[in-house]
Protein backbone atom coordinates (compact mmCIF):
# COMPACT_ATOMS: atom_id res chain seq x y z
CA UNK A 1 -14.22 -19.31 2.66
CA UNK A 2 -11.19 -20.88 0.96
CA UNK A 3 -8.18 -20.64 3.28
CA UNK A 4 -6.15 -19.26 0.37
CA UNK A 5 -8.35 -16.16 0.34
CA UNK A 6 -6.77 -15.02 3.61
CA UNK A 7 -3.20 -14.52 4.77
CA UNK A 8 -1.53 -17.15 7.00
CA UNK A 9 -2.68 -17.04 10.64
CA UNK A 10 0.78 -16.10 11.90
CA UNK A 11 0.83 -13.07 9.60
CA UNK A 12 -2.55 -11.96 10.90
CA UNK A 13 -1.36 -12.32 14.49
CA UNK A 14 1.74 -10.21 13.85
CA UNK A 15 -0.29 -7.66 11.93
CA UNK A 16 -2.77 -7.18 14.77
CA UNK A 17 -0.01 -7.11 17.41
CA UNK A 18 1.93 -4.39 15.60
CA UNK A 19 -1.24 -2.53 14.62
CA UNK A 20 -2.83 -2.28 18.05
CA UNK A 21 0.37 -1.81 20.06
CA UNK A 22 2.20 0.69 17.84
CA UNK A 23 0.64 1.92 14.60
CA UNK A 24 -2.98 2.48 15.60
CA UNK A 25 -2.17 4.47 18.80
CA UNK A 26 0.26 6.68 16.85
CA UNK A 27 -2.18 7.23 14.00
CA UNK A 28 -5.23 8.02 16.11
CA UNK A 29 -3.66 9.76 19.10
CA UNK A 30 -0.31 11.23 18.06
CA UNK A 31 -1.30 12.10 14.49
CA UNK A 32 -5.04 12.62 15.21
CA UNK A 33 -5.77 10.48 12.17
CA UNK A 34 -9.09 10.54 10.35
CA UNK A 35 -10.06 7.60 8.14
CA UNK A 36 -12.83 7.83 5.57
CA UNK A 37 -14.16 4.92 3.52
CA UNK A 38 -12.81 1.98 5.56
CA UNK A 39 -15.98 0.04 4.76
CA UNK A 40 -14.98 -0.01 1.07
CA UNK A 41 -12.01 -2.34 1.64
CA UNK A 42 -12.63 -5.96 0.49
CA UNK A 43 -11.66 -8.17 3.43
CA UNK A 44 -10.71 -11.28 1.47
CA UNK A 45 -9.22 -12.22 -1.87
CA UNK A 46 -6.46 -10.60 -3.87
CA UNK A 47 -6.38 -6.80 -3.94
CA UNK A 48 -3.96 -4.17 -5.26
CA UNK A 49 -3.95 -1.12 -3.00
CA UNK A 50 -2.59 1.98 -4.76
CA UNK A 51 -1.68 5.18 -2.98
CA UNK A 52 0.27 8.40 -3.12
CA UNK A 53 3.56 8.41 -1.20
CA UNK A 54 5.28 11.17 0.77
CA UNK A 55 6.77 9.56 3.89
CA UNK A 56 8.60 6.52 5.23
CA UNK A 57 5.62 6.18 7.57
CA UNK A 58 3.21 5.50 4.69
CA UNK A 59 3.42 1.66 4.52
CA UNK A 60 2.37 0.93 8.14
CA UNK A 61 -0.22 3.72 8.10
CA UNK A 62 -1.74 2.44 4.87
CA UNK A 63 -1.78 -1.17 6.06
CA UNK A 64 -3.37 -0.12 9.36
CA UNK A 65 -6.27 1.56 7.57
CA UNK A 66 -7.06 -1.49 5.40
CA UNK A 67 -8.16 -3.66 8.36
CA UNK A 68 -6.09 -6.46 6.80
CA UNK A 69 -2.35 -6.92 6.21
CA UNK A 70 -0.90 -5.35 3.09
CA UNK A 71 2.27 -6.76 1.53
CA UNK A 72 4.82 -4.16 0.39
CA UNK A 73 8.06 -4.60 -1.51
CA UNK A 74 11.30 -4.21 0.46
CA UNK A 75 14.92 -3.90 -0.63
CA UNK A 76 16.55 -7.31 -1.05
CA UNK A 77 19.36 -6.22 1.28
CA UNK A 78 16.97 -6.11 4.25
CA UNK A 79 16.39 -9.84 3.90
CA UNK A 80 20.02 -10.55 4.77
CA UNK A 81 19.67 -9.03 8.25
CA UNK A 82 19.03 -11.68 10.94
CA UNK A 83 15.73 -11.37 12.83
CA UNK A 84 14.63 -8.44 10.65
CA UNK A 85 14.41 -10.85 7.71
CA UNK A 86 11.98 -13.13 9.54
CA UNK A 87 9.97 -10.27 10.97
CA UNK A 88 9.33 -8.39 7.73
CA UNK A 89 8.70 -11.62 5.81
CA UNK A 90 6.07 -12.74 8.30
CA UNK A 91 4.50 -9.29 8.12
CA UNK A 92 4.16 -9.63 4.34
CA UNK A 93 7.17 -7.79 2.89
CA UNK A 94 8.72 -9.33 -0.20
CA UNK A 95 12.25 -8.78 -1.53
CA UNK A 96 12.93 -6.82 -4.70
CA UNK A 97 16.27 -6.58 -6.47
CA UNK A 98 17.25 -3.02 -7.36
CA UNK A 99 18.80 -4.18 -10.62
CA UNK A 100 15.56 -5.73 -11.85
CA UNK A 101 12.91 -4.06 -9.71
CA UNK A 102 10.06 -4.25 -12.20
CA UNK A 103 10.39 -7.95 -13.01
CA UNK A 104 11.05 -9.15 -9.47
CA UNK A 105 8.34 -6.92 -8.01
CA UNK A 106 5.73 -8.25 -10.41
CA UNK A 107 6.66 -11.86 -9.69
CA UNK A 108 6.64 -11.34 -5.92
CA UNK A 109 3.38 -9.40 -6.00
CA UNK A 110 1.69 -12.09 -8.09
CA UNK A 111 2.73 -14.74 -5.56
CA UNK A 112 1.37 -12.65 -2.68
CA UNK A 113 -1.95 -12.12 -4.49
CA UNK A 114 -2.31 -15.84 -5.13
CA UNK A 115 -1.86 -16.38 -1.39
CA UNK A 116 -4.77 -14.02 -0.64
CA UNK A 117 -2.79 -10.96 0.36
CA UNK A 118 -3.59 -7.37 -0.40
CA UNK A 119 -0.54 -5.91 -2.18
CA UNK A 120 0.36 -2.27 -1.69
CA UNK A 121 2.05 -0.17 -4.37
CA UNK A 122 2.74 3.54 -4.43
CA UNK A 123 1.49 4.77 -7.76
CA UNK A 124 4.36 7.19 -8.40
CA UNK A 125 6.91 4.59 -7.32
CA UNK A 126 8.71 7.07 -5.08
CA UNK A 127 7.97 9.79 -2.53
CA UNK A 128 6.82 13.25 -3.65
CA UNK A 129 7.25 16.47 -1.69
CA UNK A 130 3.58 17.43 -1.62
CA UNK A 131 1.92 14.00 -1.65
CA UNK A 132 0.40 14.46 -5.09
CA UNK A 133 0.85 12.04 -7.99
CA UNK A 134 2.29 13.64 -11.12
CA UNK A 135 3.95 10.72 -12.93
CA UNK A 136 2.06 7.50 -12.16
CA UNK A 137 3.80 4.25 -13.04
CA UNK A 138 2.04 1.38 -14.81
CA UNK A 139 3.19 -1.43 -12.49
CA UNK A 140 0.12 -1.57 -10.23
CA UNK A 141 -2.40 -1.76 -13.07
CA UNK A 142 -0.21 -4.30 -14.87
CA UNK A 143 -0.17 -6.54 -11.81
CA UNK A 144 -3.93 -6.14 -11.36
CA UNK A 145 -4.46 -7.07 -15.01
CA UNK A 146 -2.26 -10.16 -14.77
CA UNK A 147 -3.94 -11.34 -11.56
CA UNK A 148 -7.42 -10.05 -12.46
CA UNK A 149 -7.96 -8.48 -9.05
CA UNK A 150 -9.40 -5.02 -8.28
CA UNK A 151 -7.41 -1.91 -7.48
CA UNK A 152 -8.26 0.21 -4.44
CA UNK A 153 -7.23 3.91 -4.59
CA UNK A 154 -6.18 5.41 -1.25
CA UNK A 155 -5.06 8.94 -0.43
CA UNK A 156 -2.68 9.71 2.43
CA UNK A 157 -2.95 13.40 3.30
CA UNK A 158 -0.41 15.17 5.52
CA UNK A 159 2.28 12.49 5.80
CA UNK A 160 4.85 14.64 3.98
CA UNK A 161 5.00 16.84 7.10
CA UNK A 162 5.85 14.04 9.56
CA UNK A 163 9.62 14.29 9.05
CA UNK A 164 9.93 17.82 7.70
CA UNK A 165 12.99 18.57 9.78
CA UNK A 166 15.11 16.27 11.90
CA UNK A 167 14.39 12.63 12.68
CA UNK A 168 11.67 13.02 15.31
CA UNK A 169 8.14 12.49 13.92
CA UNK A 170 6.04 15.63 14.24
CA UNK A 171 2.46 15.27 15.56
CA UNK A 172 0.88 16.58 12.38
CA UNK A 173 -2.79 15.82 11.60
CA UNK A 174 -3.31 13.04 9.04
CA UNK A 175 -6.29 12.13 6.89
CA UNK A 176 -6.73 8.88 4.98
CA UNK A 177 -9.41 8.61 2.31
CA UNK A 178 -10.30 5.29 0.68
CA UNK A 179 -12.03 5.28 -2.68
CA UNK A 180 -14.19 2.70 -4.42
CA UNK A 181 -12.54 -0.40 -5.83
CA UNK A 182 -11.73 -0.22 -9.55
CA UNK A 183 -11.98 -3.16 -11.93
CA UNK A 184 -8.63 -4.26 -13.37
CA UNK A 185 -7.74 -3.84 -17.04
CA UNK A 186 -9.11 -6.78 -19.02
CA UNK A 187 -5.70 -7.24 -20.67
CA UNK A 188 -2.12 -6.07 -20.23
CA UNK A 189 -2.21 -3.95 -23.38
CA UNK A 190 -0.53 -0.62 -22.70
CA UNK A 191 -3.54 1.54 -23.58
CA UNK A 192 -5.78 -0.33 -21.13
CA UNK A 193 -3.19 -0.31 -18.37
CA UNK A 194 -2.50 3.39 -18.96
CA UNK A 195 -6.21 4.28 -18.79
CA UNK A 196 -6.73 2.49 -15.46
CA UNK A 197 -3.51 3.96 -14.06
CA UNK A 198 -4.57 7.50 -14.95
CA UNK A 199 -8.02 6.88 -13.44
CA UNK A 200 -6.44 5.76 -10.15
CA UNK A 201 -4.11 8.77 -10.10
CA UNK A 202 -6.96 11.20 -10.80
CA UNK A 203 -9.10 9.73 -8.00
CA UNK A 204 -6.25 9.87 -5.48
CA UNK A 205 -5.39 13.47 -6.40
CA UNK A 206 -9.06 14.46 -6.15
CA UNK A 207 -9.23 12.96 -2.65
CA UNK A 208 -5.98 14.76 -1.77
CA UNK A 209 -7.51 18.08 -2.85
CA UNK A 210 -10.24 17.57 -0.20
CA UNK A 211 -7.57 18.18 2.45
CA UNK A 212 -8.17 17.56 6.11
């Protein structure tokens, strides 16, 4: 296997350390997490993981269920904080400027994909109260089209209840469903990107309707 098809060794080490010491115990014990379809996740090569989004807890939970690190965008300001900058960069986060989020996000995501990372994007672009996708954005399918890598639809069910009131995470039951990989648009033409985006959103919402 070409070394570029996998993330750097140090990233994998940090991923597994954080996963097994913090995220996995919380997901499986505290949140009584159920994961369906983990065998559908390609374990090498570029991949765009698309999901619904309802909680600040979604990025680590989603990455944990992929069995490989997933790079997510992070506010540029976080990369000016000592120690935190190095930690989130090693774990795969990439900086995005608020003033030009679309352009900088696409460039950073393309770089991560070339390095063999899976890149995670929330299809709506922001959190929703009920976890459903109502206004999917075209960024994920555009990136997949440019890089010619598959998209993987994932549904996070129940995460909107984790921080319903206060700042203490509630031990609510969570269910994660992973769908089949979807071929990228063959070109970045809007109609093709729109069609693939709507397909991803429909699949994620259908999995969400399955509930617990």
